[in-house]
Protein backbone atom coordinates (compact mmCIF):
# COMPACT_ATOMS: atom_id res chain seq x y z
CA MET A 1 -23.44 81.91 15.02
CA PRO A 2 -21.44 79.62 12.88
CA LYS A 3 -23.40 77.00 10.95
CA MET A 4 -22.28 73.70 9.62
CA TYR A 5 -21.32 74.08 5.89
CA ALA A 6 -23.64 71.78 3.63
CA ARG A 7 -24.58 72.13 -0.11
CA PRO A 8 -28.47 72.44 -0.81
CA THR A 9 -28.39 68.87 -2.11
CA ASP A 10 -26.61 67.68 0.98
CA ARG A 11 -28.32 69.64 4.03
CA VAL A 12 -30.88 67.82 6.01
CA ALA A 13 -33.23 70.72 6.47
CA ASP A 14 -35.96 69.16 8.46
CA GLY A 15 -35.21 69.12 12.10
CA VAL A 16 -37.39 66.16 12.77
CA ALA A 17 -35.47 64.28 10.15
CA ALA A 18 -32.22 65.47 11.68
CA LEU A 19 -33.19 64.52 15.30
CA ASN A 20 -34.26 61.09 13.86
CA LEU A 21 -30.86 60.48 12.15
CA LEU A 22 -29.07 61.58 15.42
CA ALA A 23 -31.26 59.13 17.21
CA GLU A 24 -29.85 56.51 15.16
CA VAL A 25 -26.45 57.15 16.32
CA SER A 26 -24.95 55.99 19.63
CA PHE A 27 -21.58 57.43 20.09
CA ALA A 28 -20.58 60.93 19.57
CA HIS A 29 -17.84 63.72 20.50
CA LEU A 30 -18.85 66.32 23.05
CA VAL A 31 -16.80 69.46 22.62
CA SER A 32 -16.65 72.39 25.19
CA VAL A 33 -14.40 75.43 25.86
CA ASP A 34 -12.86 75.24 29.35
CA ARG A 35 -11.37 78.76 29.97
CA HIS A 36 -9.17 79.16 26.83
CA ASP A 37 -8.81 75.43 25.99
CA LEU A 38 -11.07 73.24 23.92
CA LYS A 39 -11.89 69.92 25.45
CA ALA A 40 -13.46 66.98 23.96
CA THR A 41 -14.59 63.54 25.05
CA SER A 42 -16.21 60.52 23.22
CA ILE A 43 -19.38 59.55 24.90
CA PRO A 44 -22.08 56.90 24.37
CA PHE A 45 -25.61 58.40 24.55
CA LEU A 46 -29.34 58.50 23.86
CA VAL A 47 -31.67 60.98 22.45
CA ASP A 48 -34.59 61.95 24.74
CA GLY A 49 -36.61 63.74 21.81
CA ASP A 50 -39.62 64.61 23.83
CA ALA A 51 -37.62 66.44 26.30
CA GLY A 52 -35.09 68.04 23.75
CA LEU A 53 -32.31 66.25 25.35
CA VAL A 54 -29.34 64.16 24.70
CA VAL A 55 -28.10 61.99 27.67
CA GLY A 56 -24.87 60.18 28.23
CA HIS A 57 -21.88 59.57 30.69
CA LEU A 58 -18.18 60.03 30.95
CA ALA A 59 -15.66 58.77 33.48
CA ARG A 60 -15.49 60.67 36.60
CA ALA A 61 -11.61 60.46 36.45
CA ASN A 62 -12.00 62.59 33.14
CA ASP A 63 -11.65 66.44 34.59
CA HIS A 64 -13.43 67.49 31.55
CA TRP A 65 -16.99 67.28 33.52
CA GLN A 66 -15.68 69.46 36.03
CA SER A 67 -16.24 72.37 33.43
CA LEU A 68 -19.33 70.92 31.71
CA ASP A 69 -22.08 71.92 33.98
CA GLY A 70 -23.83 75.06 32.48
CA ALA A 71 -21.45 74.81 29.47
CA THR A 72 -22.05 75.66 26.04
CA ALA A 73 -21.07 72.73 24.11
CA LEU A 74 -21.32 71.04 20.69
CA LEU A 75 -21.98 67.30 20.05
CA ILE A 76 -20.52 65.79 16.83
CA ALA A 77 -21.90 62.56 15.60
CA THR A 78 -20.71 61.05 12.33
CA PRO A 79 -23.11 57.95 11.66
CA SER A 80 -21.38 56.87 8.48
CA ASP A 81 -18.44 57.77 6.08
CA GLY A 82 -16.50 55.90 2.99
CA TYR A 83 -13.90 57.02 0.38
CA VAL A 84 -15.18 57.31 -2.94
CA SER A 85 -13.17 56.38 -6.06
CA PRO A 86 -13.69 58.44 -9.23
CA SER A 87 -13.35 55.20 -11.10
CA TRP A 88 -17.21 54.51 -9.92
CA TYR A 89 -18.60 57.41 -12.12
CA PRO A 90 -19.74 56.34 -15.24
CA SER A 91 -19.59 59.68 -16.56
CA LYS A 92 -15.84 59.74 -16.29
CA PRO A 93 -15.19 59.10 -19.96
CA GLU A 94 -17.69 61.95 -20.95
CA SER A 95 -15.92 64.42 -18.51
CA GLY A 96 -12.69 63.80 -20.18
CA GLY A 97 -11.25 62.58 -17.06
CA LYS A 98 -11.84 65.57 -14.95
CA VAL A 99 -13.00 63.74 -11.84
CA VAL A 100 -11.26 63.56 -8.37
CA PRO A 101 -11.70 61.25 -5.11
CA THR A 102 -13.97 62.57 -2.71
CA TRP A 103 -15.31 61.27 0.82
CA ASN A 104 -19.20 60.67 1.25
CA TYR A 105 -20.45 60.98 4.89
CA GLU A 106 -23.09 62.02 7.27
CA ALA A 107 -22.67 64.60 10.01
CA ILE A 108 -24.68 65.90 13.10
CA HIS A 109 -23.88 68.86 15.05
CA VAL A 110 -25.89 69.59 18.12
CA HIS A 111 -25.65 72.99 19.78
CA GLY A 112 -26.84 73.38 23.26
CA ARG A 113 -25.95 73.88 26.92
CA THR A 114 -24.83 70.92 29.28
CA ARG A 115 -25.80 69.62 32.86
CA VAL A 116 -23.79 67.20 34.89
CA HIS A 117 -25.45 64.50 36.88
CA GLU A 118 -24.21 62.83 39.97
CA ASP A 119 -27.44 61.49 41.21
CA PRO A 120 -27.32 57.54 41.25
CA GLU A 121 -30.84 57.07 40.20
CA TRP A 122 -30.56 59.27 37.39
CA LEU A 123 -27.31 57.52 36.52
CA LEU A 124 -28.74 53.93 36.73
CA ASP A 125 -31.74 55.05 34.69
CA VAL A 126 -29.21 56.17 31.88
CA VAL A 127 -26.77 53.34 31.86
CA THR A 128 -29.88 50.82 32.10
CA ARG A 129 -31.54 52.50 28.91
CA LEU A 130 -28.19 52.57 27.19
CA THR A 131 -27.45 48.81 27.76
CA ASP A 132 -31.10 47.53 26.97
CA HIS A 133 -30.94 49.74 23.82
CA HIS A 134 -27.71 48.14 22.52
CA GLU A 135 -28.38 44.41 23.93
CA ALA A 136 -31.77 44.74 21.83
CA SER A 137 -29.93 45.44 18.48
CA ARG A 138 -27.31 42.58 19.08
CA THR A 139 -27.21 40.18 16.15
CA ASP A 140 -24.96 37.28 17.67
CA GLY A 141 -27.94 35.44 18.79
CA GLY A 142 -26.82 35.37 22.53
CA GLU A 143 -29.04 36.20 25.73
CA PRO A 144 -29.25 39.91 26.14
CA TRP A 145 -27.26 41.13 29.14
CA ALA A 146 -29.10 43.06 31.76
CA ILE A 147 -27.89 45.50 34.33
CA SER A 148 -29.79 43.32 36.93
CA ASP A 149 -27.45 40.37 35.74
CA ALA A 150 -24.64 41.91 37.84
CA PRO A 151 -24.51 42.28 41.81
CA PRO A 152 -26.10 45.73 42.82
CA GLU A 153 -23.21 46.58 45.13
CA PHE A 154 -20.89 46.19 41.87
CA ILE A 155 -23.02 48.38 39.71
CA GLN A 156 -23.26 50.98 42.64
CA ALA A 157 -19.47 51.09 42.68
CA GLN A 158 -19.46 51.47 38.90
CA LEU A 159 -22.05 54.21 39.03
CA ARG A 160 -19.53 56.04 41.32
CA ALA A 161 -16.89 55.55 38.77
CA ILE A 162 -19.19 57.80 35.88
CA ILE A 163 -20.72 61.11 35.68
CA GLY A 164 -23.94 62.02 34.09
CA VAL A 165 -24.13 64.55 31.08
CA SER A 166 -27.18 65.99 29.39
CA LEU A 167 -27.24 68.54 26.69
CA THR A 168 -30.28 70.56 26.15
CA ILE A 169 -30.69 70.92 22.14
CA ASP A 170 -30.87 74.46 21.15
CA ARG A 171 -29.89 73.79 17.56
CA ILE A 172 -29.51 70.67 15.31
CA GLU A 173 -27.85 70.47 11.88
CA ALA A 174 -27.24 67.57 9.81
CA LYS A 175 -25.82 66.80 6.46
CA GLN A 176 -25.74 63.63 4.34
CA LYS A 177 -22.97 64.06 1.34
CA LEU A 178 -24.12 61.09 -0.32
CA SER A 179 -23.00 62.24 -4.09
CA GLY A 180 -26.21 64.33 -4.37
CA ASN A 181 -24.24 66.70 -6.54
CA ARG A 182 -23.35 63.89 -9.00
CA PRO A 183 -25.68 62.69 -11.77
CA VAL A 184 -28.08 59.73 -10.94
CA GLU A 185 -25.85 57.17 -12.94
CA ASP A 186 -22.95 58.16 -11.08
CA GLN A 187 -24.88 57.97 -7.72
CA ALA A 188 -25.81 54.35 -8.66
CA GLY A 189 -22.02 53.68 -9.67
CA VAL A 190 -20.89 55.09 -6.26
CA LEU A 191 -23.50 52.66 -4.55
CA GLU A 192 -22.31 49.76 -6.52
CA GLY A 193 -18.51 50.59 -5.95
CA LEU A 194 -19.09 51.07 -2.12
CA GLU A 195 -21.26 47.62 -1.98
CA ARG A 196 -17.99 46.05 -3.33
CA THR A 197 -15.74 47.65 -0.85
CA ALA A 198 -15.24 45.59 2.69
CA GLN A 199 -14.47 48.22 4.89
CA VAL A 200 -17.52 50.44 4.16
CA SER A 201 -20.32 50.65 6.89
CA ALA A 202 -23.59 49.23 6.37
CA ARG A 203 -25.13 52.33 7.60
CA LEU A 204 -23.70 54.46 4.41
CA LEU A 205 -25.24 51.90 2.06
CA LYS A 206 -28.38 52.30 3.53
CA ALA A 207 -28.24 56.06 3.73
CA MET A 208 -27.54 56.00 0.06
CA THR A 209 -29.96 53.75 -0.98
CA GLU A 210 -32.71 55.29 0.77
CA LYS A 211 -31.72 58.89 -0.73
CA ALA A 212 -31.72 57.15 -4.12
CA GLU A 213 -35.20 55.77 -3.53
CA SER A 214 -36.60 58.93 -2.23
CA ALA A 215 -35.25 60.71 -5.50
CA ASN A 216 -37.15 58.37 -7.32
CA GLU A 217 -40.57 58.86 -5.61
């Protein structure tokens, strides 16, 4: 069975750690095979770790769901990524300029079998938990929005427009390509360079900082 390529320095070998990393993500790409075609849909999701499930939903108008019940599928999540310039490596002069650009990133592949869910109570539970999770993480200072803020008949109509999906986790693989193959001083240089880059995600900076701290323990 194909496995995710990862250097030893990049592989998240602990399954619990990989699951915890997945739980920090909220959006991923669900890929499955429909006859001879690949189909992919980007979905919001939550991890039900105790049940070994990933749960989410997609639009009923998206015919991908019609081939998902009982299908073998792959969920691909990418928590963070960012371009790495070789100019950030302090070791560049010593290397005689033998350095090239690269890309730092985190990736998680979840293999399993999917089921579709049309039960309104199941759907309401999932969208309520998704909403509560994201409203609780807002940093704009506004009042959290709740499903109960909308008219019940409106919510019921919205639920009829979506299909639930769950993925039973058979195998999870994760990697954190965070300059782990570079000398310590180059890792520090990359972190400093990324901190000066406006487009880089806070998640990538957090991951690199945690990796550096764990290496020093």
